Every structure is written in C-alpha cells, then in structure tokens.
Amino acid sequence: MGRKGGWIAAVMLALLAGPARADIYAFTDASGIMHFSDVPDDSRYALFLRTPKPAGTGAATGATPAAAPLREHYRSYIDDAARTYQVEAALLRAVISAESGYDPRAVSPRGAMGLMQLMPDTARRYGVADPYDPAQSIRGGAQYLRDLLRLFGNDLKLALAAYNAGEKAVVRYGRRIPPYRETRAYVPRVLRYYRQFRAQM
C-alpha cells in the first residue's frame, strides 16, 4: 500500500473507531486535499464507504445523515414548521438525520414511519393523516418536539430521550435518560448533528 493509501486507511480507522459506526463520505478539494466525514454537510461529499449500522442506534433501519442537496429539498417544510411551532430548524434537521436519513418512506422495526419516524399513536395525536408525506411528518414531529421540550422544562437531552423512548419512559426513570442502549446512543448522536447544523445557520 502506498503512502497515500496508508494515510487513507488511517483516517478510516479513526472514523470507525467510535462506538457508533456510520457511512463515510469524502471529496477532494481544489488543492487536492481529501476530506472525510460521517456527516456530509457539504454538497461535494459523495459516499466513500458504507459501514454496517449497529442495532439500536436510531429508529429507522439504515438511517444516515443526508447529503446537503437532499436536506435542501425539504428546507421550506422545515423552516415553516420551525417558525410555526417555535422549534429550531437545526434541531428538526438533526432529528430527521438521525431518525430517517431523510428517507420519507423509512419504516422502523417498531413501526415508526416517515422523515420524523412518527409512531402511529403519535401521528394520530398530531393530526398526521399520512406519515409518509414529508410536510405532514415534519409538522407532526415539530409539534411533538415542542411539547416534549415544554414537558421537560426545555431540557433538550430529556426531550430527545422522550422522542426516542417515549415520554412515559423518561418520567418513569425519574425524569432522566432511560437506561436503554438505543436511547443512550441516540441522544448524543442527535446533539452532535444539532450542533453541526446550528453552526451552519
């Protein structure tokens, strides 16, 4: 393996060394420098390496952060819902990235559906007739996040834990993040995306 190949391998090992694996994206800039990320927040990124996603790190099977063009496709829905329900657009983008990877037809093993991975009861609660419709899914998910933030005193970690595990589970465990492997991986994952998207806005 040449020097360049060895360097790329080292980068791949570093990116995959963490507890939560994700697809790796890359692009080469005008200076010939290669850039790698598991969060493709630049439209130049293209899929470089697909890695298996361990069970229990997100609601939708195979969910990964979407490339910038795909995120932009739903920008107006996200911005409208953010304004209407007073939820940050960056937070909505982060939840969608973690939940469905911007796949509007995503279905989890537990039956959560659409971009925001709404469970059937949650969809009905917020008047979402078609959870696979991006506009309805985003509106319903935004309302749910707003209510969870209010319920847990604007504690974002608890609101995200409730979005993943249900508000009853968070309350049952003393208003703390439940000791579920999936939820404890999900909360920091969404927060990481949230910080990245927030920095871009």
N, C-alpha and C. Protein backbone atom coordinates (compact mmCIF):
# COMPACT_ATOMS: atom_id res chain seq x y z
N MET A 1 0.85 -1.19 0.00
CA MET A 1 0.00 0.00 0.00
C MET A 1 0.88 1.24 0.00
N GLY A 2 0.61 2.20 -0.89
CA GLY A 2 1.40 3.41 -0.98
C GLY A 2 1.17 4.33 0.20
N ARG A 3 1.96 5.43 0.22
CA ARG A 3 1.84 6.37 1.33
C ARG A 3 0.44 6.95 1.42
N LYS A 4 -0.13 7.34 0.25
CA LYS A 4 -1.48 7.90 0.25
C LYS A 4 -2.50 6.88 0.74
N GLY A 5 -2.34 5.62 0.26
CA GLY A 5 -3.27 4.58 0.67
C GLY A 5 -3.21 4.32 2.16
N GLY A 6 -1.98 4.34 2.72
CA GLY A 6 -1.84 4.14 4.16
C GLY A 6 -2.48 5.25 4.95
N TRP A 7 -2.36 6.49 4.46
CA TRP A 7 -2.97 7.64 5.16
C TRP A 7 -4.48 7.54 5.15
N ILE A 8 -5.04 7.15 4.00
CA ILE A 8 -6.49 6.98 3.91
C ILE A 8 -6.96 5.90 4.87
N ALA A 9 -6.21 4.81 4.93
CA ALA A 9 -6.59 3.73 5.84
C ALA A 9 -6.59 4.20 7.28
N ALA A 10 -5.60 5.02 7.63
CA ALA A 10 -5.53 5.54 9.00
C ALA A 10 -6.73 6.42 9.31
N VAL A 11 -7.13 7.25 8.34
CA VAL A 11 -8.30 8.10 8.53
C VAL A 11 -9.55 7.24 8.71
N MET A 12 -9.69 6.20 7.90
CA MET A 12 -10.86 5.33 8.01
C MET A 12 -10.91 4.66 9.39
N LEU A 13 -9.76 4.20 9.87
CA LEU A 13 -9.75 3.56 11.18
C LEU A 13 -10.15 4.54 12.27
N ALA A 14 -9.70 5.79 12.14
CA ALA A 14 -10.05 6.80 13.15
C ALA A 14 -11.54 7.08 13.14
N LEU A 15 -12.13 7.18 11.95
CA LEU A 15 -13.56 7.49 11.85
C LEU A 15 -14.41 6.34 12.33
N LEU A 16 -13.91 5.12 12.14
CA LEU A 16 -14.71 3.95 12.52
C LEU A 16 -14.41 3.46 13.93
N ALA A 17 -13.50 4.12 14.61
CA ALA A 17 -13.09 3.63 15.92
C ALA A 17 -14.13 3.88 17.00
N GLY A 18 -15.03 4.85 16.79
CA GLY A 18 -16.02 5.20 17.80
C GLY A 18 -17.05 4.12 17.97
N PRO A 19 -17.89 4.24 18.99
CA PRO A 19 -18.87 3.21 19.28
C PRO A 19 -19.99 3.15 18.26
N ALA A 20 -20.30 4.26 17.59
CA ALA A 20 -21.41 4.26 16.62
C ALA A 20 -20.84 4.43 15.23
N ARG A 21 -20.99 3.42 14.40
CA ARG A 21 -20.49 3.49 13.04
C ARG A 21 -21.51 4.16 12.14
N ALA A 22 -21.00 4.74 11.02
CA ALA A 22 -21.88 5.37 10.06
C ALA A 22 -21.20 5.35 8.72
N ASP A 23 -21.94 5.57 7.65
CA ASP A 23 -21.35 5.66 6.33
C ASP A 23 -20.35 6.81 6.29
N ILE A 24 -19.28 6.64 5.52
CA ILE A 24 -18.23 7.63 5.40
C ILE A 24 -18.33 8.29 4.03
N TYR A 25 -18.25 9.61 4.00
CA TYR A 25 -18.33 10.39 2.78
C TYR A 25 -17.01 11.12 2.56
N ALA A 26 -16.68 11.41 1.30
CA ALA A 26 -15.41 12.06 1.02
C ALA A 26 -15.52 12.94 -0.21
N PHE A 27 -14.62 13.92 -0.29
CA PHE A 27 -14.42 14.68 -1.52
C PHE A 27 -13.00 15.22 -1.53
N THR A 28 -12.50 15.54 -2.72
CA THR A 28 -11.17 16.12 -2.88
C THR A 28 -11.34 17.58 -3.28
N ASP A 29 -10.73 18.49 -2.52
CA ASP A 29 -10.91 19.91 -2.81
C ASP A 29 -9.97 20.38 -3.91
N ALA A 30 -10.03 21.66 -4.23
CA ALA A 30 -9.26 22.21 -5.34
C ALA A 30 -7.76 22.08 -5.13
N SER A 31 -7.34 21.95 -3.87
CA SER A 31 -5.92 21.80 -3.56
C SER A 31 -5.46 20.35 -3.56
N GLY A 32 -6.37 19.46 -3.87
CA GLY A 32 -6.03 18.04 -3.88
C GLY A 32 -6.10 17.38 -2.53
N ILE A 33 -6.64 18.08 -1.53
CA ILE A 33 -6.75 17.52 -0.18
C ILE A 33 -8.06 16.75 -0.05
N MET A 34 -7.97 15.54 0.46
CA MET A 34 -9.18 14.73 0.65
C MET A 34 -9.81 15.04 2.00
N HIS A 35 -11.13 15.15 2.01
CA HIS A 35 -11.88 15.41 3.23
C HIS A 35 -12.82 14.23 3.47
N PHE A 36 -12.90 13.80 4.73
CA PHE A 36 -13.75 12.68 5.11
C PHE A 36 -14.70 13.12 6.22
N SER A 37 -15.91 12.57 6.24
CA SER A 37 -16.85 12.87 7.31
C SER A 37 -17.94 11.81 7.33
N ASP A 38 -18.50 11.61 8.53
CA ASP A 38 -19.70 10.77 8.62
C ASP A 38 -20.96 11.62 8.61
N VAL A 39 -20.79 12.95 8.54
CA VAL A 39 -21.90 13.89 8.43
C VAL A 39 -21.64 14.75 7.18
N PRO A 40 -22.18 14.39 6.03
CA PRO A 40 -21.88 15.08 4.77
C PRO A 40 -22.58 16.43 4.67
N ASP A 41 -22.01 17.45 5.33
CA ASP A 41 -22.66 18.75 5.38
C ASP A 41 -22.17 19.69 4.28
N ASP A 42 -21.56 19.13 3.25
CA ASP A 42 -21.11 19.90 2.09
C ASP A 42 -21.59 19.15 0.86
N SER A 43 -22.12 19.86 -0.12
CA SER A 43 -22.70 19.20 -1.30
C SER A 43 -21.67 18.44 -2.11
N ARG A 44 -20.37 18.69 -1.87
CA ARG A 44 -19.33 17.98 -2.62
C ARG A 44 -19.10 16.56 -2.10
N TYR A 45 -19.58 16.27 -0.92
CA TYR A 45 -19.37 14.93 -0.37
C TYR A 45 -20.13 13.88 -1.19
N ALA A 46 -19.48 12.74 -1.37
CA ALA A 46 -20.11 11.58 -2.00
C ALA A 46 -19.79 10.37 -1.14
N LEU A 47 -20.64 9.36 -1.21
CA LEU A 47 -20.43 8.16 -0.39
C LEU A 47 -19.09 7.53 -0.74
N PHE A 48 -18.26 7.33 0.28
CA PHE A 48 -16.92 6.74 0.11
C PHE A 48 -16.90 5.30 0.62
N LEU A 49 -17.53 5.07 1.77
CA LEU A 49 -17.50 3.75 2.38
C LEU A 49 -18.78 3.54 3.16
N ARG A 50 -19.49 2.48 2.84
CA ARG A 50 -20.71 2.15 3.60
C ARG A 50 -20.33 1.17 4.70
N THR A 51 -20.73 1.49 5.93
CA THR A 51 -20.41 0.63 7.06
C THR A 51 -21.68 0.16 7.72
N PRO A 52 -21.65 -1.01 8.34
CA PRO A 52 -22.86 -1.51 9.00
C PRO A 52 -23.24 -0.65 10.17
N LYS A 53 -24.54 -0.43 10.33
CA LYS A 53 -25.04 0.37 11.46
C LYS A 53 -25.50 -0.58 12.54
N PRO A 54 -24.93 -0.53 13.73
CA PRO A 54 -25.33 -1.45 14.79
C PRO A 54 -26.77 -1.23 15.20
N ALA A 55 -27.42 -2.31 15.60
CA ALA A 55 -28.81 -2.21 16.00
C ALA A 55 -28.94 -1.32 17.22
N GLY A 56 -30.05 -0.59 17.28
CA GLY A 56 -30.36 0.18 18.47
C GLY A 56 -29.74 1.55 18.53
N THR A 57 -29.32 2.14 17.39
CA THR A 57 -28.76 3.49 17.43
C THR A 57 -29.64 4.50 16.72
N GLY A 58 -30.80 4.09 16.28
CA GLY A 58 -31.70 5.01 15.61
C GLY A 58 -33.00 4.29 15.33
N ALA A 59 -34.04 5.04 15.03
CA ALA A 59 -35.33 4.39 14.85
C ALA A 59 -35.44 3.67 13.53
N ALA A 60 -34.93 4.26 12.46
CA ALA A 60 -35.10 3.68 11.14
C ALA A 60 -33.88 2.85 10.77
N THR A 61 -34.10 1.64 10.26
CA THR A 61 -33.00 0.80 9.86
C THR A 61 -32.24 1.46 8.73
N GLY A 62 -30.91 1.55 8.89
CA GLY A 62 -30.07 2.13 7.85
C GLY A 62 -30.10 3.63 7.78
N ALA A 63 -30.66 4.32 8.76
CA ALA A 63 -30.73 5.78 8.71
C ALA A 63 -29.36 6.40 8.81
N THR A 64 -29.02 7.33 7.92
CA THR A 64 -27.75 8.03 7.93
C THR A 64 -28.02 9.49 7.62
N PRO A 65 -27.09 10.38 8.02
CA PRO A 65 -27.28 11.78 7.67
C PRO A 65 -27.32 11.95 6.15
N ALA A 66 -28.18 12.82 5.70
CA ALA A 66 -28.34 13.02 4.27
C ALA A 66 -27.37 14.07 3.74
N ALA A 67 -27.03 13.96 2.47
CA ALA A 67 -26.20 14.96 1.82
C ALA A 67 -26.96 16.27 1.71
N ALA A 68 -26.21 17.35 1.56
CA ALA A 68 -26.80 18.69 1.57
C ALA A 68 -27.93 18.87 0.55
N PRO A 69 -27.80 18.40 -0.70
CA PRO A 69 -28.90 18.60 -1.65
C PRO A 69 -30.21 17.98 -1.19
N LEU A 70 -30.13 16.81 -0.54
CA LEU A 70 -31.34 16.16 -0.07
C LEU A 70 -31.95 16.94 1.09
N ARG A 71 -31.10 17.46 1.98
CA ARG A 71 -31.61 18.28 3.08
C ARG A 71 -32.29 19.54 2.54
N GLU A 72 -31.71 20.14 1.52
CA GLU A 72 -32.27 21.37 0.96
C GLU A 72 -33.64 21.14 0.35
N HIS A 73 -33.88 19.92 -0.12
CA HIS A 73 -35.16 19.61 -0.76
C HIS A 73 -36.32 19.85 0.20
N TYR A 74 -36.08 19.67 1.50
CA TYR A 74 -37.14 19.82 2.50
C TYR A 74 -36.99 21.10 3.32
N ARG A 75 -36.14 22.00 2.89
CA ARG A 75 -35.86 23.21 3.67
C ARG A 75 -37.13 24.00 3.97
N SER A 76 -38.00 24.21 2.97
CA SER A 76 -39.18 25.05 3.20
C SER A 76 -40.12 24.43 4.23
N TYR A 77 -40.28 23.11 4.20
CA TYR A 77 -41.13 22.43 5.19
C TYR A 77 -40.54 22.59 6.59
N ILE A 78 -39.23 22.42 6.68
CA ILE A 78 -38.55 22.51 7.98
C ILE A 78 -38.64 23.94 8.51
N ASP A 79 -38.35 24.92 7.67
CA ASP A 79 -38.39 26.31 8.11
C ASP A 79 -39.79 26.74 8.52
N ASP A 80 -40.80 26.31 7.77
CA ASP A 80 -42.19 26.65 8.10
C ASP A 80 -42.58 26.05 9.45
N ALA A 81 -42.24 24.78 9.66
CA ALA A 81 -42.58 24.12 10.92
C ALA A 81 -41.83 24.74 12.08
N ALA A 82 -40.57 25.12 11.84
CA ALA A 82 -39.77 25.73 12.91
C ALA A 82 -40.39 27.05 13.35
N ARG A 83 -40.84 27.85 12.39
CA ARG A 83 -41.46 29.14 12.73
C ARG A 83 -42.81 28.93 13.42
N THR A 84 -43.60 28.03 12.88
CA THR A 84 -44.95 27.83 13.41
C THR A 84 -44.94 27.28 14.83
N TYR A 85 -44.06 26.33 15.11
CA TYR A 85 -44.09 25.64 16.39
C TYR A 85 -42.93 26.03 17.32
N GLN A 86 -42.17 27.05 16.89
CA GLN A 86 -41.09 27.59 17.73
C GLN A 86 -40.09 26.52 18.15
N VAL A 87 -39.67 25.74 17.17
CA VAL A 87 -38.63 24.73 17.36
C VAL A 87 -37.51 25.05 16.38
N GLU A 88 -36.28 25.01 16.83
CA GLU A 88 -35.17 25.37 15.94
C GLU A 88 -35.11 24.47 14.71
N ALA A 89 -34.89 25.09 13.56
CA ALA A 89 -34.75 24.34 12.32
C ALA A 89 -33.58 23.36 12.41
N ALA A 90 -32.50 23.79 13.06
CA ALA A 90 -31.33 22.91 13.21
C ALA A 90 -31.69 21.65 13.99
N LEU A 91 -32.57 21.78 14.96
CA LEU A 91 -32.99 20.61 15.73
C LEU A 91 -33.83 19.67 14.88
N LEU A 92 -34.73 20.22 14.10
CA LEU A 92 -35.53 19.38 13.21
C LEU A 92 -34.64 18.64 12.21
N ARG A 93 -33.67 19.33 11.65
CA ARG A 93 -32.75 18.68 10.72
C ARG A 93 -31.97 17.56 11.40
N ALA A 94 -31.56 17.81 12.62
CA ALA A 94 -30.78 16.81 13.35
C ALA A 94 -31.62 15.56 13.62
N VAL A 95 -32.86 15.76 14.04
CA VAL A 95 -33.73 14.62 14.33
C VAL A 95 -34.02 13.84 13.05
N ILE A 96 -34.31 14.54 11.97
CA ILE A 96 -34.57 13.85 10.70
C ILE A 96 -33.35 13.05 10.27
N SER A 97 -32.17 13.64 10.40
CA SER A 97 -30.94 12.94 10.00
C SER A 97 -30.76 11.66 10.80
N ALA A 98 -30.98 11.74 12.10
CA ALA A 98 -30.80 10.57 12.96
C ALA A 98 -31.90 9.54 12.78
N GLU A 99 -33.11 10.01 12.56
CA GLU A 99 -34.26 9.11 12.52
C GLU A 99 -34.40 8.38 11.18
N SER A 100 -34.32 9.12 10.09
CA SER A 100 -34.64 8.52 8.80
C SER A 100 -33.58 8.73 7.72
N GLY A 101 -32.56 9.56 8.01
CA GLY A 101 -31.60 9.86 6.96
C GLY A 101 -32.25 10.55 5.77
N TYR A 102 -33.35 11.27 6.04
CA TYR A 102 -34.11 11.99 5.01
C TYR A 102 -34.79 11.07 4.00
N ASP A 103 -35.10 9.87 4.42
CA ASP A 103 -35.87 8.94 3.58
C ASP A 103 -37.33 9.04 4.00
N PRO A 104 -38.20 9.66 3.19
CA PRO A 104 -39.59 9.84 3.60
C PRO A 104 -40.38 8.54 3.68
N ARG A 105 -39.84 7.45 3.12
CA ARG A 105 -40.54 6.16 3.18
C ARG A 105 -39.94 5.24 4.24
N ALA A 106 -39.07 5.77 5.08
CA ALA A 106 -38.42 4.93 6.10
C ALA A 106 -39.44 4.36 7.07
N VAL A 107 -39.23 3.11 7.46
CA VAL A 107 -40.07 2.43 8.46
C VAL A 107 -39.14 1.70 9.42
N SER A 108 -39.34 1.91 10.71
CA SER A 108 -38.50 1.24 11.70
C SER A 108 -39.08 -0.13 12.02
N PRO A 109 -38.28 -0.99 12.63
CA PRO A 109 -38.80 -2.31 13.04
C PRO A 109 -39.98 -2.21 14.00
N ARG A 110 -40.08 -1.06 14.71
CA ARG A 110 -41.19 -0.89 15.66
C ARG A 110 -42.42 -0.24 15.04
N GLY A 111 -42.32 0.13 13.76
CA GLY A 111 -43.47 0.70 13.08
C GLY A 111 -43.47 2.21 12.97
N ALA A 112 -42.38 2.89 13.38
CA ALA A 112 -42.29 4.34 13.19
C ALA A 112 -42.12 4.63 11.71
N MET A 113 -42.70 5.75 11.26
CA MET A 113 -42.79 5.99 9.82
C MET A 113 -42.34 7.39 9.42
N GLY A 114 -41.82 7.49 8.21
CA GLY A 114 -41.56 8.78 7.58
C GLY A 114 -40.31 9.48 8.03
N LEU A 115 -40.17 10.72 7.57
CA LEU A 115 -38.97 11.51 7.86
C LEU A 115 -38.70 11.63 9.35
N MET A 116 -39.76 11.92 10.12
CA MET A 116 -39.61 12.14 11.56
C MET A 116 -39.86 10.86 12.37
N GLN A 117 -40.09 9.75 11.69
CA GLN A 117 -40.29 8.46 12.35
C GLN A 117 -41.34 8.55 13.45
N LEU A 118 -42.54 8.94 13.04
CA LEU A 118 -43.65 9.04 13.98
C LEU A 118 -44.29 7.67 14.18
N MET A 119 -44.52 7.32 15.43
CA MET A 119 -45.28 6.11 15.72
C MET A 119 -46.75 6.38 15.39
N PRO A 120 -47.53 5.35 15.07
CA PRO A 120 -48.93 5.57 14.69
C PRO A 120 -49.72 6.39 15.70
N ASP A 121 -49.56 6.12 16.99
CA ASP A 121 -50.30 6.89 18.01
C ASP A 121 -49.89 8.36 18.01
N THR A 122 -48.60 8.61 17.83
CA THR A 122 -48.12 9.99 17.81
C THR A 122 -48.63 10.71 16.57
N ALA A 123 -48.63 10.02 15.44
CA ALA A 123 -49.15 10.62 14.21
C ALA A 123 -50.61 11.02 14.39
N ARG A 124 -51.41 10.13 14.99
CA ARG A 124 -52.82 10.44 15.21
C ARG A 124 -52.98 11.61 16.17
N ARG A 125 -52.15 11.64 17.22
CA ARG A 125 -52.23 12.70 18.22
C ARG A 125 -52.06 14.07 17.58
N TYR A 126 -51.21 14.16 16.57
CA TYR A 126 -50.92 15.46 15.96
C TYR A 126 -51.56 15.64 14.59
N GLY A 127 -52.55 14.83 14.30
CA GLY A 127 -53.33 15.01 13.08
C GLY A 127 -52.58 14.72 11.80
N VAL A 128 -51.62 13.82 11.87
CA VAL A 128 -50.85 13.45 10.68
C VAL A 128 -51.57 12.29 9.99
N ALA A 129 -52.28 12.61 8.91
CA ALA A 129 -53.05 11.59 8.21
C ALA A 129 -52.15 10.67 7.40
N ASP A 130 -51.08 11.22 6.85
CA ASP A 130 -50.15 10.43 6.04
C ASP A 130 -48.74 10.66 6.56
N PRO A 131 -48.23 9.78 7.40
CA PRO A 131 -46.89 9.98 7.98
C PRO A 131 -45.77 9.89 6.96
N TYR A 132 -46.08 9.42 5.75
CA TYR A 132 -45.06 9.37 4.71
C TYR A 132 -45.01 10.65 3.88
N ASP A 133 -45.95 11.54 4.12
CA ASP A 133 -45.93 12.85 3.46
C ASP A 133 -44.93 13.74 4.20
N PRO A 134 -43.88 14.23 3.53
CA PRO A 134 -42.84 14.98 4.23
C PRO A 134 -43.36 16.19 5.01
N ALA A 135 -44.26 16.97 4.41
CA ALA A 135 -44.77 18.16 5.08
C ALA A 135 -45.52 17.78 6.35
N GLN A 136 -46.38 16.76 6.28
CA GLN A 136 -47.14 16.34 7.46
C GLN A 136 -46.22 15.76 8.53
N SER A 137 -45.26 14.95 8.10
CA SER A 137 -44.35 14.33 9.05
C SER A 137 -43.54 15.38 9.81
N ILE A 138 -43.05 16.37 9.09
CA ILE A 138 -42.24 17.42 9.73
C ILE A 138 -43.09 18.25 10.67
N ARG A 139 -44.32 18.58 10.26
CA ARG A 139 -45.21 19.34 11.15
C ARG A 139 -45.51 18.55 12.42
N GLY A 140 -45.85 17.28 12.25
CA GLY A 140 -46.16 16.45 13.41
C GLY A 140 -44.96 16.28 14.33
N GLY A 141 -43.80 16.04 13.75
CA GLY A 141 -42.60 15.88 14.56
C GLY A 141 -42.23 17.16 15.28
N ALA A 142 -42.40 18.30 14.62
CA ALA A 142 -42.09 19.59 15.25
C ALA A 142 -43.02 19.85 16.43
N GLN A 143 -44.30 19.54 16.27
CA GLN A 143 -45.24 19.72 17.38
C GLN A 143 -44.89 18.81 18.56
N TYR A 144 -44.51 17.59 18.24
CA TYR A 144 -44.16 16.64 19.29
C TYR A 144 -42.91 17.11 20.05
N LEU A 145 -41.90 17.56 19.31
CA LEU A 145 -40.69 18.08 19.95
C LEU A 145 -41.01 19.30 20.82
N ARG A 146 -41.85 20.20 20.31
CA ARG A 146 -42.25 21.38 21.08
C ARG A 146 -42.88 20.96 22.40
N ASP A 147 -43.79 20.00 22.35
CA ASP A 147 -44.48 19.57 23.56
C ASP A 147 -43.54 18.86 24.52
N LEU A 148 -42.60 18.09 23.98
CA LEU A 148 -41.64 17.41 24.84
C LEU A 148 -40.71 18.40 25.53
N LEU A 149 -40.30 19.43 24.81
CA LEU A 149 -39.46 20.47 25.42
C LEU A 149 -40.21 21.17 26.55
N ARG A 150 -41.48 21.46 26.32
CA ARG A 150 -42.28 22.08 27.38
C ARG A 150 -42.43 21.15 28.57
N LEU A 151 -42.69 19.88 28.29
CA LEU A 151 -42.92 18.90 29.36
C LEU A 151 -41.69 18.75 30.25
N PHE A 152 -40.51 18.82 29.64
CA PHE A 152 -39.28 18.59 30.39
C PHE A 152 -38.48 19.87 30.61
N GLY A 153 -39.19 21.00 30.69
CA GLY A 153 -38.57 22.25 31.07
C GLY A 153 -37.46 22.70 30.15
N ASN A 154 -37.63 22.48 28.85
CA ASN A 154 -36.63 22.85 27.84
C ASN A 154 -35.30 22.13 28.01
N ASP A 155 -35.31 20.98 28.68
CA ASP A 155 -34.12 20.15 28.77
C ASP A 155 -34.05 19.34 27.48
N LEU A 156 -33.13 19.73 26.61
CA LEU A 156 -33.07 19.13 25.28
C LEU A 156 -32.73 17.64 25.34
N LYS A 157 -31.85 17.27 26.23
CA LYS A 157 -31.48 15.85 26.33
C LYS A 157 -32.68 14.99 26.71
N LEU A 158 -33.46 15.47 27.67
CA LEU A 158 -34.64 14.70 28.08
C LEU A 158 -35.70 14.68 26.99
N ALA A 159 -35.87 15.80 26.29
CA ALA A 159 -36.84 15.85 25.20
C ALA A 159 -36.45 14.85 24.10
N LEU A 160 -35.19 14.78 23.77
CA LEU A 160 -34.73 13.83 22.74
C LEU A 160 -34.86 12.39 23.23
N ALA A 161 -34.56 12.17 24.50
CA ALA A 161 -34.73 10.83 25.04
C ALA A 161 -36.19 10.41 24.96
N ALA A 162 -37.10 11.35 25.25
CA ALA A 162 -38.53 11.06 25.17
C ALA A 162 -38.97 10.84 23.73
N TYR A 163 -38.39 11.58 22.80
CA TYR A 163 -38.73 11.39 21.38
C TYR A 163 -38.37 9.96 20.96
N ASN A 164 -37.29 9.45 21.49
CA ASN A 164 -36.84 8.11 21.12
C ASN A 164 -37.55 7.02 21.90
N ALA A 165 -37.65 7.20 23.22
CA ALA A 165 -38.16 6.13 24.09
C ALA A 165 -39.58 6.34 24.57
N GLY A 166 -40.11 7.58 24.36
CA GLY A 166 -41.44 7.89 24.86
C GLY A 166 -41.37 8.68 26.15
N GLU A 167 -42.26 9.64 26.30
CA GLU A 167 -42.20 10.49 27.49
C GLU A 167 -42.48 9.72 28.78
N LYS A 168 -43.29 8.68 28.71
CA LYS A 168 -43.58 7.90 29.91
C LYS A 168 -42.32 7.21 30.45
N ALA A 169 -41.46 6.77 29.54
CA ALA A 169 -40.23 6.12 29.97
C ALA A 169 -39.32 7.10 30.70
N VAL A 170 -39.24 8.33 30.20
CA VAL A 170 -38.39 9.33 30.84
C VAL A 170 -38.93 9.67 32.22
N VAL A 171 -40.24 9.80 32.33
CA VAL A 171 -40.85 10.10 33.63
C VAL A 171 -40.66 8.92 34.58
N ARG A 172 -40.82 7.72 34.06
CA ARG A 172 -40.71 6.52 34.89
C ARG A 172 -39.32 6.38 35.50
N TYR A 173 -38.30 6.82 34.78
CA TYR A 173 -36.93 6.75 35.28
C TYR A 173 -36.50 8.04 35.95
N GLY A 174 -37.45 8.72 36.60
CA GLY A 174 -37.12 9.89 37.40
C GLY A 174 -36.72 11.10 36.60
N ARG A 175 -37.32 11.24 35.42
CA ARG A 175 -37.01 12.36 34.52
C ARG A 175 -35.52 12.38 34.20
N ARG A 176 -35.02 11.20 33.90
CA ARG A 176 -33.65 11.01 33.44
C ARG A 176 -33.68 10.22 32.14
N ILE A 177 -32.56 10.22 31.42
CA ILE A 177 -32.49 9.43 30.20
C ILE A 177 -32.60 7.95 30.57
N PRO A 178 -33.56 7.24 30.01
CA PRO A 178 -33.74 5.83 30.36
C PRO A 178 -32.49 5.02 30.04
N PRO A 179 -32.26 3.95 30.80
CA PRO A 179 -31.05 3.13 30.59
C PRO A 179 -31.18 2.17 29.42
N TYR A 180 -31.69 2.66 28.30
CA TYR A 180 -31.81 1.83 27.11
C TYR A 180 -30.61 2.12 26.21
N ARG A 181 -29.99 1.08 25.70
CA ARG A 181 -28.80 1.26 24.85
C ARG A 181 -29.12 2.17 23.65
N GLU A 182 -30.27 1.93 23.01
CA GLU A 182 -30.63 2.73 21.84
C GLU A 182 -30.76 4.21 22.20
N THR A 183 -31.46 4.49 23.30
CA THR A 183 -31.70 5.88 23.68
C THR A 183 -30.42 6.57 24.09
N ARG A 184 -29.55 5.87 24.79
CA ARG A 184 -28.30 6.48 25.25
C ARG A 184 -27.33 6.71 24.10
N ALA A 185 -27.50 6.00 23.00
CA ALA A 185 -26.71 6.29 21.80
C ALA A 185 -27.37 7.38 20.97
N TYR A 186 -28.70 7.38 20.98
CA TYR A 186 -29.47 8.31 20.15
C TYR A 186 -29.30 9.76 20.58
N VAL A 187 -29.38 10.03 21.87
CA VAL A 187 -29.35 11.42 22.35
C VAL A 187 -28.05 12.13 21.95
N PRO A 188 -26.87 11.59 22.24
CA PRO A 188 -25.65 12.30 21.82
C PRO A 188 -25.49 12.38 20.31
N ARG A 189 -26.04 11.40 19.61
CA ARG A 189 -25.96 11.43 18.14
C ARG A 189 -26.74 12.62 17.59
N VAL A 190 -27.97 12.80 18.07
CA VAL A 190 -28.77 13.93 17.61
C VAL A 190 -28.14 15.26 18.02
N LEU A 191 -27.63 15.32 19.23
CA LEU A 191 -26.99 16.55 19.70
C LEU A 191 -25.78 16.90 18.84
N ARG A 192 -25.04 15.90 18.39
CA ARG A 192 -23.89 16.17 17.53
C ARG A 192 -24.34 16.77 16.21
N TYR A 193 -25.38 16.19 15.61
CA TYR A 193 -25.91 16.75 14.36
C TYR A 193 -26.45 18.15 14.59
N TYR A 194 -27.14 18.33 15.72
CA TYR A 194 -27.74 19.62 16.04
C TYR A 194 -26.68 20.71 16.12
N ARG A 195 -25.59 20.43 16.80
CA ARG A 195 -24.52 21.43 16.90
C ARG A 195 -23.92 21.74 15.53
N GLN A 196 -23.77 20.73 14.71
CA GLN A 196 -23.20 20.95 13.38
C GLN A 196 -24.15 21.77 12.50
N PHE A 197 -25.42 21.44 12.51
CA PHE A 197 -26.37 22.18 11.69
C PHE A 197 -26.56 23.60 12.22
N ARG A 198 -26.53 23.75 13.53
CA ARG A 198 -26.69 25.08 14.12
C ARG A 198 -25.53 26.00 13.74
N ALA A 199 -24.33 25.43 13.67
CA ALA A 199 -23.15 26.22 13.32
C ALA A 199 -23.21 26.71 11.87
N GLN A 200 -23.98 26.01 11.03
CA GLN A 200 -24.08 26.38 9.62
C GLN A 200 -25.10 27.49 9.38
N MET A 201 -25.96 27.76 10.37
CA MET A 201 -27.09 28.66 10.16
C MET A 201 -26.76 30.08 10.61
